[in-house]
C-alpha atoms as a PDB file:
ATOM      1  CA  UNK A   1      -6.784   9.934  -2.335  1.00  0.00           C
ATOM      2  CA  UNK A   2      -6.938   7.698   0.712  1.00  0.00           C
ATOM      3  CA  UNK A   3      -9.917   5.811  -0.674  1.00  0.00           C
ATOM      4  CA  UNK A   4      -8.179   5.411  -4.043  1.00  0.00           C
ATOM      5  CA  UNK A   5      -5.124   3.870  -2.403  1.00  0.00           C
ATOM      6  CA  UNK A   6      -7.220   1.518  -0.279  1.00  0.00           C
ATOM      7  CA  UNK A   7      -9.205   0.547  -3.365  1.00  0.00           C
ATOM      8  CA  UNK A   8      -6.001  -0.281  -5.248  1.00  0.00           C
ATOM      9  CA  UNK A   9      -4.811  -2.585  -2.461  1.00  0.00           C
ATOM     10  CA  UNK A  10      -8.205  -4.288  -2.313  1.00  0.00           C
ATOM     11  CA  UNK A  11      -8.094  -4.742  -6.060  1.00  0.00           C
ATOM     12  CA  UNK A  12      -4.738  -6.526  -5.851  1.00  0.00           C
ATOM     13  CA  UNK A  13      -5.983  -8.643  -2.948  1.00  0.00           C
ATOM     14  CA  UNK A  14      -8.955  -9.764  -5.006  1.00  0.00           C
ATOM     15  CA  UNK A  15      -7.109 -10.163  -8.289  1.00  0.00           C
ATOM     16  CA  UNK A  16      -4.313 -12.306  -6.860  1.00  0.00           C
ATOM     17  CA  UNK A  17      -6.190 -13.871  -3.892  1.00  0.00           C
ATOM     18  CA  UNK A  18      -3.554 -12.725  -1.386  1.00  0.00           C
ATOM     19  CA  UNK A  19      -3.596 -10.461   1.649  1.00  0.00           C
ATOM     20  CA  UNK A  20      -0.177  -8.830   1.385  1.00  0.00           C
ATOM     21  CA  UNK A  21       2.645  -7.905  -0.940  1.00  0.00           C
ATOM     22  CA  UNK A  22       4.784 -10.559   0.770  1.00  0.00           C
ATOM     23  CA  UNK A  23       2.277 -13.253  -0.180  1.00  0.00           C
ATOM     24  CA  UNK A  24       2.385 -11.965  -3.740  1.00  0.00           C
ATOM     25  CA  UNK A  25       6.176 -12.288  -3.745  1.00  0.00           C
ATOM     26  CA  UNK A  26       5.828 -15.878  -2.529  1.00  0.00           C
ATOM     27  CA  UNK A  27       3.453 -16.500  -5.418  1.00  0.00           C
ATOM     28  CA  UNK A  28       6.000 -14.968  -7.817  1.00  0.00           C
ATOM     29  CA  UNK A  29       8.512 -17.608  -6.761  1.00  0.00           C
ATOM     30  CA  UNK A  30       6.122 -20.370  -7.822  1.00  0.00           C
ATOM     31  CA  UNK A  31       4.864 -19.263 -11.229  1.00  0.00           C
ATOM     32  CA  UNK A  32       5.817 -20.869 -14.524  1.00  0.00           C
ATOM     33  CA  UNK A  33       7.433 -18.066 -16.498  1.00  0.00           C
ATOM     34  CA  UNK A  34       9.926 -15.291 -15.953  1.00  0.00           C
ATOM     35  CA  UNK A  35       7.403 -12.794 -17.323  1.00  0.00           C
ATOM     36  CA  UNK A  36       4.856 -13.810 -14.685  1.00  0.00           C
ATOM     37  CA  UNK A  37       7.512 -13.553 -11.988  1.00  0.00           C
ATOM     38  CA  UNK A  38       8.484 -10.053 -13.131  1.00  0.00           C
ATOM     39  CA  UNK A  39       4.863  -8.922 -13.247  1.00  0.00           C
ATOM     40  CA  UNK A  40       4.051 -10.227  -9.771  1.00  0.00           C
ATOM     41  CA  UNK A  41       7.197  -8.684  -8.312  1.00  0.00           C
ATOM     42  CA  UNK A  42       6.377  -5.352  -9.969  1.00  0.00           C
ATOM     43  CA  UNK A  43       2.871  -5.420  -8.495  1.00  0.00           C
ATOM     44  CA  UNK A  44       4.282  -6.354  -5.070  1.00  0.00           C
ATOM     45  CA  UNK A  45       6.661  -3.389  -5.246  1.00  0.00           C
ATOM     46  CA  UNK A  46       3.823  -1.090  -6.331  1.00  0.00           C
ATOM     47  CA  UNK A  47       1.763  -2.443  -3.440  1.00  0.00           C
ATOM     48  CA  UNK A  48       4.525  -1.515  -0.993  1.00  0.00           C
ATOM     49  CA  UNK A  49       4.644   2.012  -2.407  1.00  0.00           C
ATOM     50  CA  UNK A  50       0.867   2.369  -2.142  1.00  0.00           C
ATOM     51  CA  UNK A  51       0.957   1.136   1.476  1.00  0.00           C
ATOM     52  CA  UNK A  52       3.680   3.658   2.268  1.00  0.00           C
ATOM     53  CA  UNK A  53       1.659   6.494   0.744  1.00  0.00           C
ATOM     54  CA  UNK A  54      -1.430   5.334   2.620  1.00  0.00           C
ATOM     55  CA  UNK A  55       0.496   5.434   5.910  1.00  0.00           C
ATOM     56  CA  UNK A  56       1.670   8.972   5.113  1.00  0.00           C
ATOM     57  CA  UNK A  57      -1.887  10.098   4.426  1.00  0.00           C
ATOM     58  CA  UNK A  58      -3.217   8.435   7.567  1.00  0.00           C
ATOM     59  CA  UNK A  59      -0.465  10.071   9.613  1.00  0.00           C
ATOM     60  CA  UNK A  60      -1.267  13.455   8.105  1.00  0.00           C
ATOM     61  CA  UNK A  61      -4.960  13.018   8.919  1.00  0.00           C
ATOM     62  CA  UNK A  62      -4.201  11.850  12.457  1.00  0.00           C
ATOM     63  CA  UNK A  63      -1.866  14.784  13.120  1.00  0.00           C
ATOM     64  CA  UNK A  64      -3.623  17.425  11.030  1.00  0.00           C
ATOM     65  CA  UNK A  65      -4.039  19.844  13.901  1.00  0.00           C
ATOM     66  CA  UNK A  66      -0.334  19.518  14.782  1.00  0.00           C
ATOM     67  CA  UNK A  67       0.750  20.187  11.211  1.00  0.00           C
ATOM     68  CA  UNK A  68      -1.709  22.984  10.528  1.00  0.00           C
ATOM     69  CA  UNK A  69      -0.864  24.946  13.649  1.00  0.00           C
ATOM     70  CA  UNK A  70      -4.493  25.025  14.802  1.00  0.00           C
ATOM     71  CA  UNK A  71      -3.864  23.114  18.030  1.00  0.00           C
ATOM     72  CA  UNK A  72      -3.548  25.124  21.194  1.00  0.00           C
ATOM     73  CA  UNK A  73      -0.064  25.444  22.632  1.00  0.00           C
ATOM     74  CA  UNK A  74       0.730  23.171  25.560  1.00  0.00           C
ATOM     75  CA  UNK A  75       0.583  24.884  28.947  1.00  0.00           C
END
């Protein structure tokens, strides 16, 4: 799942030649049509959701032993 989310972000970075969802929103403000603006804003919002999910997964991996109860109790 983590790799899929990272791959999606990389895909957007390559497709739109930007590094972040904020840059994509800036691009949306400069396009010719309302349809293009809507599409770029939708992708930017999706990007934010994917980044959020990626952070959740990374946090879960980082704290797996805490969440699973396999860590030893503090002394």
